[in-house]
PDB file of N, CA and C in Angstrom:
ATOM      1  N   UNK A   1     -18.873 258.728 -73.557  1.00  0.00           N
ATOM      2  CA  UNK A   1     -18.859 258.188 -72.118  1.00  0.00           C
ATOM      3  C   UNK A   1     -18.694 256.784 -72.278  1.00  0.00           C
ATOM      4  N   UNK A   2     -19.474 256.051 -73.233  1.00  0.00           N
ATOM      5  CA  UNK A   2     -19.473 254.585 -73.310  1.00  0.00           C
ATOM      6  C   UNK A   2     -18.074 254.151 -73.695  1.00  0.00           C
ATOM      7  N   UNK A   3     -17.209 254.788 -74.440  1.00  0.00           N
ATOM      8  CA  UNK A   3     -15.919 254.354 -74.870  1.00  0.00           C
ATOM      9  C   UNK A   3     -14.958 254.488 -73.626  1.00  0.00           C
ATOM     10  N   UNK A   4     -15.007 255.467 -73.022  1.00  0.00           N
ATOM     11  CA  UNK A   4     -14.287 255.681 -71.905  1.00  0.00           C
ATOM     12  C   UNK A   4     -14.502 254.620 -70.736  1.00  0.00           C
ATOM     13  N   UNK A   5     -15.712 254.359 -70.546  1.00  0.00           N
ATOM     14  CA  UNK A   5     -16.194 253.344 -69.671  1.00  0.00           C
ATOM     15  C   UNK A   5     -15.538 252.122 -69.965  1.00  0.00           C
ATOM     16  N   UNK A   6     -15.535 251.649 -71.283  1.00  0.00           N
ATOM     17  CA  UNK A   6     -15.269 250.450 -71.853  1.00  0.00           C
ATOM     18  C   UNK A   6     -13.733 250.296 -71.835  1.00  0.00           C
ATOM     19  N   UNK A   7     -12.850 251.251 -72.051  1.00  0.00           N
ATOM     20  CA  UNK A   7     -11.586 251.329 -71.916  1.00  0.00           C
ATOM     21  C   UNK A   7     -11.148 251.128 -70.416  1.00  0.00           C
ATOM     22  N   UNK A   8     -11.834 251.852 -69.499  1.00  0.00           N
ATOM     23  CA  UNK A   8     -11.445 251.691 -68.130  1.00  0.00           C
ATOM     24  C   UNK A   8     -11.755 250.219 -67.594  1.00  0.00           C
ATOM     25  N   UNK A   9     -12.908 249.669 -68.198  1.00  0.00           N
ATOM     26  CA  UNK A   9     -13.258 248.366 -67.710  1.00  0.00           C
ATOM     27  C   UNK A   9     -12.096 247.339 -68.209  1.00  0.00           C
ATOM     28  N   UNK A  10     -11.690 247.419 -69.441  1.00  0.00           N
ATOM     29  CA  UNK A  10     -10.705 246.711 -70.167  1.00  0.00           C
ATOM     30  C   UNK A  10      -9.199 246.792 -69.236  1.00  0.00           C
ATOM     31  N   UNK A  11      -9.001 247.912 -68.880  1.00  0.00           N
ATOM     32  CA  UNK A  11      -7.590 248.380 -68.073  1.00  0.00           C
ATOM     33  C   UNK A  11      -7.846 247.655 -66.724  1.00  0.00           C
ATOM     34  N   UNK A  12      -8.967 247.811 -66.062  1.00  0.00           N
ATOM     35  CA  UNK A  12      -9.064 247.051 -64.622  1.00  0.00           C
ATOM     36  C   UNK A  12      -8.972 245.522 -64.794  1.00  0.00           C
ATOM     37  N   UNK A  13      -9.802 244.934 -65.837  1.00  0.00           N
ATOM     38  CA  UNK A  13      -9.600 243.502 -66.306  1.00  0.00           C
ATOM     39  C   UNK A  13      -8.227 242.974 -66.309  1.00  0.00           C
ATOM     40  N   UNK A  14      -7.492 243.710 -67.222  1.00  0.00           N
ATOM     41  CA  UNK A  14      -5.951 243.462 -67.529  1.00  0.00           C
ATOM     42  C   UNK A  14      -5.236 243.409 -66.139  1.00  0.00           C
ATOM     43  N   UNK A  15      -5.443 244.543 -65.351  1.00  0.00           N
ATOM     44  CA  UNK A  15      -4.762 244.516 -64.057  1.00  0.00           C
ATOM     45  C   UNK A  15      -5.227 243.389 -63.209  1.00  0.00           C
ATOM     46  N   UNK A  16      -6.304 242.839 -63.069  1.00  0.00           N
ATOM     47  CA  UNK A  16      -6.661 241.780 -62.439  1.00  0.00           C
ATOM     48  C   UNK A  16      -6.202 240.501 -63.011  1.00  0.00           C
ATOM     49  N   UNK A  17      -6.052 240.440 -64.284  1.00  0.00           N
ATOM     50  CA  UNK A  17      -5.516 239.197 -64.856  1.00  0.00           C
ATOM     51  C   UNK A  17      -3.816 239.162 -64.502  1.00  0.00           C
ATOM     52  N   UNK A  18      -3.345 240.293 -64.424  1.00  0.00           N
ATOM     53  CA  UNK A  18      -2.048 240.406 -64.273  1.00  0.00           C
ATOM     54  C   UNK A  18      -1.814 239.945 -62.667  1.00  0.00           C
ATOM     55  N   UNK A  19      -2.430 240.401 -61.916  1.00  0.00           N
ATOM     56  CA  UNK A  19      -2.290 240.048 -60.447  1.00  0.00           C
ATOM     57  C   UNK A  19      -2.482 238.565 -60.145  1.00  0.00           C
ATOM     58  N   UNK A  20      -3.642 237.949 -60.852  1.00  0.00           N
ATOM     59  CA  UNK A  20      -3.956 236.489 -60.891  1.00  0.00           C
ATOM     60  C   UNK A  20      -2.758 235.734 -61.338  1.00  0.00           C
ATOM     61  N   UNK A  21      -2.182 236.077 -62.499  1.00  0.00           N
ATOM     62  CA  UNK A  21      -1.071 235.242 -63.106  1.00  0.00           C
ATOM     63  C   UNK A  21       0.068 235.315 -62.218  1.00  0.00           C
ATOM     64  N   UNK A  22       0.391 236.434 -61.673  1.00  0.00           N
ATOM     65  CA  UNK A  22       1.662 236.632 -60.839  1.00  0.00           C
ATOM     66  C   UNK A  22       1.443 235.747 -59.646  1.00  0.00           C
ATOM     67  N   UNK A  23       0.231 235.774 -58.987  1.00  0.00           N
ATOM     68  CA  UNK A  23      -0.165 234.968 -57.898  1.00  0.00           C
ATOM     69  C   UNK A  23       0.073 233.405 -58.084  1.00  0.00           C
ATOM     70  N   UNK A  24      -0.489 233.062 -59.252  1.00  0.00           N
ATOM     71  CA  UNK A  24      -0.361 231.578 -59.632  1.00  0.00           C
ATOM     72  C   UNK A  24       1.097 231.181 -59.684  1.00  0.00           C
ATOM     73  N   UNK A  25       1.818 232.118 -60.531  1.00  0.00           N
ATOM     74  CA  UNK A  25       3.218 231.724 -60.800  1.00  0.00           C
ATOM     75  C   UNK A  25       4.006 231.697 -59.282  1.00  0.00           C
ATOM     76  N   UNK A  26       3.593 232.448 -58.395  1.00  0.00           N
ATOM     77  CA  UNK A  26       4.390 232.465 -57.183  1.00  0.00           C
ATOM     78  C   UNK A  26       4.008 231.159 -56.279  1.00  0.00           C
ATOM     79  N   UNK A  27       2.568 230.925 -56.218  1.00  0.00           N
ATOM     80  CA  UNK A  27       2.178 229.862 -55.222  1.00  0.00           C
ATOM     81  C   UNK A  27       2.605 228.623 -56.069  1.00  0.00           C
ATOM     82  N   UNK A  28       2.608 228.264 -57.210  1.00  0.00           N
ATOM     83  CA  UNK A  28       2.993 227.174 -57.737  1.00  0.00           C
ATOM     84  C   UNK A  28       4.345 227.051 -58.015  1.00  0.00           C
ATOM     85  N   UNK A  29       5.035 228.082 -57.718  1.00  0.00           N
ATOM     86  CA  UNK A  29       6.551 227.937 -58.039  1.00  0.00           C
ATOM     87  C   UNK A  29       6.838 227.445 -59.291  1.00  0.00           C
ATOM     88  N   UNK A  30       6.315 228.224 -60.193  1.00  0.00           N
ATOM     89  CA  UNK A  30       6.537 227.881 -61.655  1.00  0.00           C
ATOM     90  C   UNK A  30       7.555 228.846 -62.107  1.00  0.00           C
ATOM     91  N   UNK A  31       8.445 228.249 -62.916  1.00  0.00           N
ATOM     92  CA  UNK A  31       9.551 228.990 -63.683  1.00  0.00           C
ATOM     93  C   UNK A  31       9.152 229.020 -65.107  1.00  0.00           C
ATOM     94  N   UNK A  32       8.764 230.315 -65.524  1.00  0.00           N
ATOM     95  CA  UNK A  32       8.265 230.457 -66.865  1.00  0.00           C
ATOM     96  C   UNK A  32       9.464 231.201 -67.685  1.00  0.00           C
ATOM     97  N   UNK A  33      10.079 230.557 -68.719  1.00  0.00           N
ATOM     98  CA  UNK A  33      11.194 231.142 -69.391  1.00  0.00           C
ATOM     99  C   UNK A  33      10.883 231.985 -70.346  1.00  0.00           C
ATOM    100  N   UNK A  34       9.683 231.776 -71.335  1.00  0.00           N
ATOM    101  CA  UNK A  34       9.326 232.593 -72.373  1.00  0.00           C
ATOM    102  C   UNK A  34       7.798 232.635 -72.354  1.00  0.00           C
ATOM    103  N   UNK A  35       7.231 233.616 -73.006  1.00  0.00           N
ATOM    104  CA  UNK A  35       5.705 233.724 -73.129  1.00  0.00           C
ATOM    105  C   UNK A  35       5.423 234.337 -74.577  1.00  0.00           C
ATOM    106  N   UNK A  36       4.334 234.071 -75.246  1.00  0.00           N
ATOM    107  CA  UNK A  36       4.078 234.704 -76.379  1.00  0.00           C
ATOM    108  C   UNK A  36       2.515 235.029 -76.389  1.00  0.00           C
ATOM    109  N   UNK A  37       2.132 236.304 -77.156  1.00  0.00           N
ATOM    110  CA  UNK A  37       0.888 236.563 -77.339  1.00  0.00           C
ATOM    111  C   UNK A  37       0.881 237.682 -78.345  1.00  0.00           C
ATOM    112  N   UNK A  38      -0.232 238.645 -77.964  1.00  0.00           N
ATOM    113  CA  UNK A  38      -0.372 239.902 -78.534  1.00  0.00           C
ATOM    114  C   UNK A  38       0.082 240.752 -77.596  1.00  0.00           C
ATOM    115  N   UNK A  39       0.176 242.221 -78.103  1.00  0.00           N
ATOM    116  CA  UNK A  39       0.687 243.235 -77.388  1.00  0.00           C
ATOM    117  C   UNK A  39      -0.164 243.646 -76.215  1.00  0.00           C
ATOM    118  N   UNK A  40      -1.369 243.182 -76.103  1.00  0.00           N
ATOM    119  CA  UNK A  40      -2.111 243.425 -74.883  1.00  0.00           C
ATOM    120  C   UNK A  40      -1.771 242.510 -73.791  1.00  0.00           C
ATOM    121  N   UNK A  41      -0.906 241.434 -74.083  1.00  0.00           N
ATOM    122  CA  UNK A  41      -0.525 240.569 -73.083  1.00  0.00           C
ATOM    123  C   UNK A  41       0.796 240.873 -72.361  1.00  0.00           C
ATOM    124  N   UNK A  42       1.401 241.890 -72.838  1.00  0.00           N
ATOM    125  CA  UNK A  42       2.828 242.393 -72.304  1.00  0.00           C
ATOM    126  C   UNK A  42       2.601 242.706 -70.857  1.00  0.00           C
ATOM    127  N   UNK A  43       1.805 243.394 -70.516  1.00  0.00           N
ATOM    128  CA  UNK A  43       1.548 243.625 -69.031  1.00  0.00           C
ATOM    129  C   UNK A  43       1.457 242.513 -68.137  1.00  0.00           C
ATOM    130  N   UNK A  44       0.689 241.524 -68.365  1.00  0.00           N
ATOM    131  CA  UNK A  44       0.458 240.208 -67.722  1.00  0.00           C
ATOM    132  C   UNK A  44       1.926 239.643 -67.624  1.00  0.00           C
ATOM    133  N   UNK A  45       2.688 239.626 -68.732  1.00  0.00           N
ATOM    134  CA  UNK A  45       3.982 238.939 -68.699  1.00  0.00           C
ATOM    135  C   UNK A  45       5.049 239.739 -67.954  1.00  0.00           C
ATOM    136  N   UNK A  46       4.970 241.110 -67.857  1.00  0.00           N
ATOM    137  CA  UNK A  46       5.670 241.832 -67.192  1.00  0.00           C
ATOM    138  C   UNK A  46       5.463 241.497 -65.734  1.00  0.00           C
ATOM    139  N   UNK A  47       4.055 241.400 -65.319  1.00  0.00           N
ATOM    140  CA  UNK A  47       3.593 240.958 -63.914  1.00  0.00           C
ATOM    141  C   UNK A  47       4.351 239.656 -63.350  1.00  0.00           C
ATOM    142  N   UNK A  48       4.499 238.921 -64.194  1.00  0.00           N
ATOM    143  CA  UNK A  48       5.033 237.547 -63.793  1.00  0.00           C
ATOM    144  C   UNK A  48       6.632 237.592 -63.804  1.00  0.00           C
ATOM    145  N   UNK A  49       7.095 238.716 -64.170  1.00  0.00           N
ATOM    146  CA  UNK A  49       8.687 238.909 -64.069  1.00  0.00           C
ATOM    147  C   UNK A  49       9.316 238.554 -65.135  1.00  0.00           C
ATOM    148  N   UNK A  50       8.976 238.353 -66.236  1.00  0.00           N
ATOM    149  CA  UNK A  50       9.487 238.229 -67.494  1.00  0.00           C
ATOM    150  C   UNK A  50      10.143 239.552 -68.200  1.00  0.00           C
ATOM    151  N   UNK A  51      11.266 239.429 -68.649  1.00  0.00           N
ATOM    152  CA  UNK A  51      11.917 240.631 -69.312  1.00  0.00           C
ATOM    153  C   UNK A  51      11.509 240.751 -70.849  1.00  0.00           C
ATOM    154  N   UNK A  52      11.838 241.671 -71.492  1.00  0.00           N
ATOM    155  CA  UNK A  52      11.612 242.045 -72.758  1.00  0.00           C
ATOM    156  C   UNK A  52      12.049 240.929 -73.835  1.00  0.00           C
ATOM    157  N   UNK A  53      13.309 240.439 -73.404  1.00  0.00           N
ATOM    158  CA  UNK A  53      13.906 239.127 -74.459  1.00  0.00           C
ATOM    159  C   UNK A  53      13.184 237.894 -74.062  1.00  0.00           C
ATOM    160  N   UNK A  54      12.268 237.997 -73.076  1.00  0.00           N
ATOM    161  CA  UNK A  54      11.445 236.572 -72.969  1.00  0.00           C
ATOM    162  C   UNK A  54      10.047 236.659 -73.568  1.00  0.00           C
ATOM    163  N   UNK A  55       9.474 237.851 -73.793  1.00  0.00           N
ATOM    164  CA  UNK A  55       8.280 238.145 -74.251  1.00  0.00           C
ATOM    165  C   UNK A  55       8.244 238.235 -75.831  1.00  0.00           C
ATOM    166  N   UNK A  56       7.532 237.281 -76.566  1.00  0.00           N
ATOM    167  CA  UNK A  56       7.504 237.441 -77.853  1.00  0.00           C
ATOM    168  C   UNK A  56       6.237 237.764 -78.308  1.00  0.00           C
ATOM    169  N   UNK A  57       5.883 238.725 -79.010  1.00  0.00           N
ATOM    170  CA  UNK A  57       4.660 239.320 -79.481  1.00  0.00           C
ATOM    171  C   UNK A  57       4.411 238.944 -81.051  1.00  0.00           C
ATOM    172  N   UNK A  58       3.279 238.603 -81.196  1.00  0.00           N
ATOM    173  CA  UNK A  58       2.977 237.933 -82.628  1.00  0.00           C
ATOM    174  C   UNK A  58       2.176 239.133 -83.387  1.00  0.00           C
ATOM    175  N   UNK A  59       2.647 239.467 -84.680  1.00  0.00           N
ATOM    176  CA  UNK A  59       1.946 240.543 -85.372  1.00  0.00           C
ATOM    177  C   UNK A  59       2.378 241.721 -85.130  1.00  0.00           C
ATOM    178  N   UNK A  60       1.507 242.720 -85.488  1.00  0.00           N
ATOM    179  CA  UNK A  60       1.743 244.175 -85.594  1.00  0.00           C
ATOM    180  C   UNK A  60       1.954 244.640 -83.999  1.00  0.00           C
ATOM    181  N   UNK A  61       2.797 245.578 -83.799  1.00  0.00           N
ATOM    182  CA  UNK A  61       2.997 246.054 -82.386  1.00  0.00           C
ATOM    183  C   UNK A  61       3.016 247.697 -82.596  1.00  0.00           C
ATOM    184  N   UNK A  62       2.607 248.307 -81.670  1.00  0.00           N
ATOM    185  CA  UNK A  62       2.642 249.868 -81.611  1.00  0.00           C
ATOM    186  C   UNK A  62       4.037 250.209 -81.164  1.00  0.00           C
ATOM    187  N   UNK A  63       4.549 251.273 -81.869  1.00  0.00           N
ATOM    188  CA  UNK A  63       5.725 251.711 -81.508  1.00  0.00           C
ATOM    189  C   UNK A  63       6.172 251.686 -80.028  1.00  0.00           C
ATOM    190  N   UNK A  64       5.266 252.097 -79.195  1.00  0.00           N
ATOM    191  CA  UNK A  64       5.582 252.202 -77.667  1.00  0.00           C
ATOM    192  C   UNK A  64       5.802 251.087 -77.076  1.00  0.00           C
ATOM    193  N   UNK A  65       5.365 249.804 -77.705  1.00  0.00           N
ATOM    194  CA  UNK A  65       5.661 248.458 -77.080  1.00  0.00           C
ATOM    195  C   UNK A  65       7.001 247.671 -77.742  1.00  0.00           C
ATOM    196  N   UNK A  66       7.439 248.294 -78.682  1.00  0.00           N
ATOM    197  CA  UNK A  66       8.542 247.668 -79.363  1.00  0.00           C
ATOM    198  C   UNK A  66       9.865 247.437 -78.268  1.00  0.00           C
ATOM    199  N   UNK A  67      10.018 248.312 -77.211  1.00  0.00           N
ATOM    200  CA  UNK A  67      11.004 248.003 -76.422  1.00  0.00           C
ATOM    201  C   UNK A  67      10.741 247.066 -75.323  1.00  0.00           C
ATOM    202  N   UNK A  68       9.577 246.630 -75.265  1.00  0.00           N
ATOM    203  CA  UNK A  68       8.974 245.802 -74.093  1.00  0.00           C
ATOM    204  C   UNK A  68       8.845 244.335 -74.468  1.00  0.00           C
ATOM    205  N   UNK A  69       9.258 244.066 -75.761  1.00  0.00           N
ATOM    206  CA  UNK A  69       9.153 242.555 -76.314  1.00  0.00           C
ATOM    207  C   UNK A  69       9.832 242.367 -77.715  1.00  0.00           C
ATOM    208  N   UNK A  70       9.950 241.193 -77.966  1.00  0.00           N
ATOM    209  CA  UNK A  70      10.527 240.808 -79.388  1.00  0.00           C
ATOM    210  C   UNK A  70       9.142 240.588 -80.274  1.00  0.00           C
ATOM    211  N   UNK A  71       9.303 241.387 -81.416  1.00  0.00           N
ATOM    212  CA  UNK A  71       8.118 241.217 -82.183  1.00  0.00           C
ATOM    213  C   UNK A  71       8.290 240.205 -83.255  1.00  0.00           C
ATOM    214  N   UNK A  72       7.334 239.254 -83.516  1.00  0.00           N
ATOM    215  CA  UNK A  72       7.313 238.126 -84.328  1.00  0.00           C
ATOM    216  C   UNK A  72       6.359 238.249 -85.332  1.00  0.00           C
ATOM    217  N   UNK A  73       6.765 238.017 -86.654  1.00  0.00           N
ATOM    218  CA  UNK A  73       5.676 237.858 -87.555  1.00  0.00           C
ATOM    219  C   UNK A  73       5.318 236.542 -88.094  1.00  0.00           C
ATOM    220  N   UNK A  74       6.260 235.459 -87.699  1.00  0.00           N
ATOM    221  CA  UNK A  74       6.083 234.193 -87.838  1.00  0.00           C
ATOM    222  C   UNK A  74       6.390 233.473 -86.502  1.00  0.00           C
ATOM    223  N   UNK A  75       5.412 233.264 -85.661  1.00  0.00           N
ATOM    224  CA  UNK A  75       5.863 232.661 -84.563  1.00  0.00           C
ATOM    225  C   UNK A  75       6.571 231.236 -84.347  1.00  0.00           C
ATOM    226  N   UNK A  76       6.443 230.609 -85.587  1.00  0.00           N
ATOM    227  CA  UNK A  76       6.978 229.244 -85.578  1.00  0.00           C
ATOM    228  C   UNK A  76       8.410 229.359 -85.436  1.00  0.00           C
ATOM    229  N   UNK A  77       9.003 230.481 -85.966  1.00  0.00           N
ATOM    230  CA  UNK A  77      10.521 230.532 -86.127  1.00  0.00           C
ATOM    231  C   UNK A  77      11.107 231.638 -85.216  1.00  0.00           C
ATOM    232  N   UNK A  78      10.201 232.102 -84.233  1.00  0.00           N
ATOM    233  CA  UNK A  78      10.582 233.052 -83.284  1.00  0.00           C
ATOM    234  C   UNK A  78      10.673 232.646 -81.906  1.00  0.00           C
ATOM    235  N   UNK A  79       9.758 231.825 -81.407  1.00  0.00           N
ATOM    236  CA  UNK A  79       9.862 231.322 -79.903  1.00  0.00           C
ATOM    237  C   UNK A  79      10.962 230.337 -79.826  1.00  0.00           C
ATOM    238  N   UNK A  80      11.815 230.659 -79.087  1.00  0.00           N
ATOM    239  CA  UNK A  80      12.987 229.645 -78.638  1.00  0.00           C
ATOM    240  C   UNK A  80      12.864 228.480 -77.769  1.00  0.00           C
ATOM    241  N   UNK A  81      11.539 227.859 -77.970  1.00  0.00           N
ATOM    242  CA  UNK A  81      11.275 226.577 -77.256  1.00  0.00           C
ATOM    243  C   UNK A  81      10.733 225.456 -78.033  1.00  0.00           C
ATOM    244  N   UNK A  82      10.993 224.279 -77.566  1.00  0.00           N
ATOM    245  CA  UNK A  82      10.503 223.145 -78.118  1.00  0.00           C
ATOM    246  C   UNK A  82       9.080 222.882 -77.710  1.00  0.00           C
ATOM    247  N   UNK A  83       8.709 223.318 -76.478  1.00  0.00           N
ATOM    248  CA  UNK A  83       7.486 222.911 -75.795  1.00  0.00           C
ATOM    249  C   UNK A  83       6.933 224.421 -75.314  1.00  0.00           C
ATOM    250  N   UNK A  84       5.812 224.592 -75.693  1.00  0.00           N
ATOM    251  CA  UNK A  84       4.973 225.907 -75.685  1.00  0.00           C
ATOM    252  C   UNK A  84       3.730 225.442 -75.248  1.00  0.00           C
ATOM    253  N   UNK A  85       3.207 226.211 -74.106  1.00  0.00           N
ATOM    254  CA  UNK A  85       1.972 225.989 -73.429  1.00  0.00           C
ATOM    255  C   UNK A  85       1.187 227.190 -73.868  1.00  0.00           C
ATOM    256  N   UNK A  86      -0.077 227.036 -74.376  1.00  0.00           N
ATOM    257  CA  UNK A  86      -0.813 228.317 -74.773  1.00  0.00           C
ATOM    258  C   UNK A  86      -1.900 228.603 -73.586  1.00  0.00           C
TER     259      UNK A  86
END
């Protein structure tokens, strides 16, 4: 019971983060060209309109996420920007 409640809470939290990020991007008229993070960040980046070739995931990624992002094992050589905001 606890595990399912914990997973449901995390899923709901991730959905709220996605909505907030999309709202901020829209209201601030931001143009985000790339983003990177872990596989749990993919949904947030998709919510702000990024395509798989604009999403860079650091480290191991489950097979189901490999088509949703570019997998990077060394982020310094993977992210195609000189300026990166974390």
